[in-house]
C-alpha atoms as a PDB file:
ATOM      1  CA  UNK A   1      35.059   7.736 184.875  1.00  0.00           C
ATOM      2  CA  UNK A   2      38.136   6.110 183.320  1.00  0.00           C
ATOM      3  CA  UNK A   3      39.620   3.111 185.110  1.00  0.00           C
ATOM      4  CA  UNK A   4      43.180   2.284 184.089  1.00  0.00           C
ATOM      5  CA  UNK A   5      43.803  -1.412 183.697  1.00  0.00           C
ATOM      6  CA  UNK A   6      47.109  -2.942 184.698  1.00  0.00           C
ATOM      7  CA  UNK A   7      49.179  -4.061 181.710  1.00  0.00           C
ATOM      8  CA  UNK A   8      49.485  -7.766 181.018  1.00  0.00           C
ATOM      9  CA  UNK A   9      53.185  -8.224 181.658  1.00  0.00           C
ATOM     10  CA  UNK A  10      52.927 -11.740 180.198  1.00  0.00           C
ATOM     11  CA  UNK A  11      51.750 -10.396 176.823  1.00  0.00           C
ATOM     12  CA  UNK A  12      54.048 -11.334 173.952  1.00  0.00           C
ATOM     13  CA  UNK A  13      55.716  -8.395 172.208  1.00  0.00           C
ATOM     14  CA  UNK A  14      58.196  -7.864 169.400  1.00  0.00           C
ATOM     15  CA  UNK A  15      60.858  -5.165 169.737  1.00  0.00           C
ATOM     16  CA  UNK A  16      61.070  -3.447 166.358  1.00  0.00           C
ATOM     17  CA  UNK A  17      64.010  -1.571 164.908  1.00  0.00           C
ATOM     18  CA  UNK A  18      63.854   1.521 162.723  1.00  0.00           C
ATOM     19  CA  UNK A  19      61.867   0.708 159.595  1.00  0.00           C
ATOM     20  CA  UNK A  20      60.686  -2.532 161.220  1.00  0.00           C
ATOM     21  CA  UNK A  21      63.493  -4.347 159.395  1.00  0.00           C
ATOM     22  CA  UNK A  22      65.810  -6.886 161.006  1.00  0.00           C
ATOM     23  CA  UNK A  23      68.152  -9.233 159.093  1.00  0.00           C
ATOM     24  CA  UNK A  24      66.562  -8.242 155.760  1.00  0.00           C
ATOM     25  CA  UNK A  25      63.019  -9.060 156.943  1.00  0.00           C
ATOM     26  CA  UNK A  26      60.513  -6.221 157.272  1.00  0.00           C
ATOM     27  CA  UNK A  27      57.724  -6.863 159.787  1.00  0.00           C
ATOM     28  CA  UNK A  28      54.193  -5.718 158.967  1.00  0.00           C
ATOM     29  CA  UNK A  29      50.906  -5.499 160.839  1.00  0.00           C
ATOM     30  CA  UNK A  30      49.177  -8.861 160.581  1.00  0.00           C
ATOM     31  CA  UNK A  31      50.748 -12.187 159.704  1.00  0.00           C
ATOM     32  CA  UNK A  32      54.535 -12.471 159.350  1.00  0.00           C
ATOM     33  CA  UNK A  33      55.964 -15.823 158.196  1.00  0.00           C
ATOM     34  CA  UNK A  34      59.664 -16.553 158.559  1.00  0.00           C
ATOM     35  CA  UNK A  35      61.109 -17.274 155.092  1.00  0.00           C
ATOM     36  CA  UNK A  36      63.803 -19.579 156.507  1.00  0.00           C
ATOM     37  CA  UNK A  37      63.337 -23.233 157.507  1.00  0.00           C
ATOM     38  CA  UNK A  38      62.317 -23.652 161.155  1.00  0.00           C
ATOM     39  CA  UNK A  39      65.117 -24.105 163.694  1.00  0.00           C
ATOM     40  CA  UNK A  40      64.258 -24.266 167.385  1.00  0.00           C
ATOM     41  CA  UNK A  41      67.757 -23.234 168.516  1.00  0.00           C
ATOM     42  CA  UNK A  42      68.277 -20.442 171.053  1.00  0.00           C
ATOM     43  CA  UNK A  43      70.715 -18.303 169.007  1.00  0.00           C
ATOM     44  CA  UNK A  44      69.873 -19.394 165.468  1.00  0.00           C
ATOM     45  CA  UNK A  45      67.995 -18.126 162.446  1.00  0.00           C
ATOM     46  CA  UNK A  46      64.930 -20.012 161.282  1.00  0.00           C
ATOM     47  CA  UNK A  47      62.250 -18.228 163.294  1.00  0.00           C
ATOM     48  CA  UNK A  48      61.166 -14.905 164.757  1.00  0.00           C
ATOM     49  CA  UNK A  49      62.063 -13.946 168.316  1.00  0.00           C
ATOM     50  CA  UNK A  50      59.767 -12.094 170.701  1.00  0.00           C
ATOM     51  CA  UNK A  51      59.451 -11.809 174.463  1.00  0.00           C
ATOM     52  CA  UNK A  52      56.961 -11.200 177.220  1.00  0.00           C
ATOM     53  CA  UNK A  53      56.453  -7.503 177.961  1.00  0.00           C
ATOM     54  CA  UNK A  54      58.013  -8.008 181.411  1.00  0.00           C
ATOM     55  CA  UNK A  55      61.299  -9.060 179.747  1.00  0.00           C
ATOM     56  CA  UNK A  56      61.876  -6.096 177.422  1.00  0.00           C
ATOM     57  CA  UNK A  57      64.759  -4.826 179.563  1.00  0.00           C
ATOM     58  CA  UNK A  58      66.596  -8.090 178.910  1.00  0.00           C
ATOM     59  CA  UNK A  59      66.573  -7.402 175.148  1.00  0.00           C
ATOM     60  CA  UNK A  60      66.207  -3.643 174.633  1.00  0.00           C
ATOM     61  CA  UNK A  61      69.951  -3.006 174.852  1.00  0.00           C
ATOM     62  CA  UNK A  62      70.801  -5.240 171.872  1.00  0.00           C
ATOM     63  CA  UNK A  63      70.144  -2.597 169.235  1.00  0.00           C
ATOM     64  CA  UNK A  64      70.283   1.186 169.662  1.00  0.00           C
ATOM     65  CA  UNK A  65      67.659   1.699 166.957  1.00  0.00           C
ATOM     66  CA  UNK A  66      64.675  -0.035 168.592  1.00  0.00           C
ATOM     67  CA  UNK A  67      61.830   2.415 168.042  1.00  0.00           C
ATOM     68  CA  UNK A  68      58.638   0.544 168.843  1.00  0.00           C
ATOM     69  CA  UNK A  69      57.098  -2.460 170.535  1.00  0.00           C
ATOM     70  CA  UNK A  70      54.403  -4.484 168.770  1.00  0.00           C
ATOM     71  CA  UNK A  71      51.795  -6.697 170.430  1.00  0.00           C
ATOM     72  CA  UNK A  72      52.086 -10.246 169.117  1.00  0.00           C
ATOM     73  CA  UNK A  73      49.870 -13.277 168.717  1.00  0.00           C
ATOM     74  CA  UNK A  74      51.377 -16.626 167.776  1.00  0.00           C
ATOM     75  CA  UNK A  75      49.145 -18.543 165.345  1.00  0.00           C
ATOM     76  CA  UNK A  76      48.064 -22.007 166.471  1.00  0.00           C
ATOM     77  CA  UNK A  77      49.770 -23.600 163.453  1.00  0.00           C
ATOM     78  CA  UNK A  78      53.144 -21.917 164.088  1.00  0.00           C
ATOM     79  CA  UNK A  79      56.153 -23.891 165.216  1.00  0.00           C
ATOM     80  CA  UNK A  80      57.106 -22.555 168.619  1.00  0.00           C
ATOM     81  CA  UNK A  81      59.860 -22.727 171.240  1.00  0.00           C
ATOM     82  CA  UNK A  82      59.854 -21.086 174.689  1.00  0.00           C
ATOM     83  CA  UNK A  83      63.045 -20.046 176.464  1.00  0.00           C
ATOM     84  CA  UNK A  84      63.599 -18.324 179.827  1.00  0.00           C
ATOM     85  CA  UNK A  85      63.168 -14.747 178.595  1.00  0.00           C
ATOM     86  CA  UNK A  86      62.085 -15.076 174.969  1.00  0.00           C
ATOM     87  CA  UNK A  87      60.053 -17.125 172.549  1.00  0.00           C
ATOM     88  CA  UNK A  88      60.743 -18.173 168.978  1.00  0.00           C
ATOM     89  CA  UNK A  89      58.071 -18.893 166.393  1.00  0.00           C
ATOM     90  CA  UNK A  90      57.846 -19.646 162.700  1.00  0.00           C
ATOM     91  CA  UNK A  91      54.963 -17.141 162.432  1.00  0.00           C
ATOM     92  CA  UNK A  92      53.964 -14.010 164.342  1.00  0.00           C
ATOM     93  CA  UNK A  93      50.908 -11.806 164.018  1.00  0.00           C
ATOM     94  CA  UNK A  94      51.569  -8.146 164.875  1.00  0.00           C
ATOM     95  CA  UNK A  95      48.362  -6.662 166.271  1.00  0.00           C
ATOM     96  CA  UNK A  96      49.316  -3.066 167.007  1.00  0.00           C
ATOM     97  CA  UNK A  97      52.297  -1.202 168.363  1.00  0.00           C
ATOM     98  CA  UNK A  98      53.483   1.644 170.563  1.00  0.00           C
ATOM     99  CA  UNK A  99      56.639   3.754 170.735  1.00  0.00           C
ATOM    100  CA  UNK A 100      59.417   2.155 172.784  1.00  0.00           C
ATOM    101  CA  UNK A 101      59.275   4.994 175.329  1.00  0.00           C
ATOM    102  CA  UNK A 102      55.612   4.195 176.003  1.00  0.00           C
ATOM    103  CA  UNK A 103      56.389   0.502 176.519  1.00  0.00           C
ATOM    104  CA  UNK A 104      59.212   1.378 178.926  1.00  0.00           C
ATOM    105  CA  UNK A 105      56.894   3.704 180.868  1.00  0.00           C
ATOM    106  CA  UNK A 106      54.204   1.008 181.145  1.00  0.00           C
ATOM    107  CA  UNK A 107      56.636  -1.640 182.352  1.00  0.00           C
ATOM    108  CA  UNK A 108      58.305   0.656 184.904  1.00  0.00           C
ATOM    109  CA  UNK A 109      54.918   1.803 186.246  1.00  0.00           C
ATOM    110  CA  UNK A 110      53.962  -1.860 186.641  1.00  0.00           C
ATOM    111  CA  UNK A 111      56.982  -2.294 188.925  1.00  0.00           C
ATOM    112  CA  UNK A 112      59.426  -4.211 186.749  1.00  0.00           C
ATOM    113  CA  UNK A 113      62.994  -3.472 187.831  1.00  0.00           C
ATOM    114  CA  UNK A 114      64.969  -2.130 184.866  1.00  0.00           C
ATOM    115  CA  UNK A 115      68.150  -3.716 186.237  1.00  0.00           C
ATOM    116  CA  UNK A 116      66.801  -7.234 186.674  1.00  0.00           C
ATOM    117  CA  UNK A 117      64.244  -7.448 183.885  1.00  0.00           C
ATOM    118  CA  UNK A 118      61.535  -8.552 186.324  1.00  0.00           C
ATOM    119  CA  UNK A 119      63.434 -10.532 188.956  1.00  0.00           C
ATOM    120  CA  UNK A 120      62.402  -8.133 191.721  1.00  0.00           C
ATOM    121  CA  UNK A 121      58.761  -9.096 191.162  1.00  0.00           C
ATOM    122  CA  UNK A 122      59.525 -12.786 191.013  1.00  0.00           C
ATOM    123  CA  UNK A 123      58.582 -12.763 187.348  1.00  0.00           C
END
């Protein structure tokens, strides 16, 4: 008997564009280190952005070529900043991925409102 587990909506994910390239950086499975000096600003370079799975609807509209969502770990030695609906880190470890349509299906089935990015669940 297969028992489906509820997704961890707090899991950190990276939305990936076609070819996994964004601003001349190509993400790979495993460790990714930002080549620019760390900057903890909200809208600045100098780090990689990611978000909790429950917040993908806040960011998915930014680029029409998002094709997949990768699971992310942040190494203990990474510089890190947390914002309301995203995180920024000097290093990310990509630990697997799924097509964007699968991520959207998972999040909708978990009850996240596509119009509020999670507000309806108090997330």
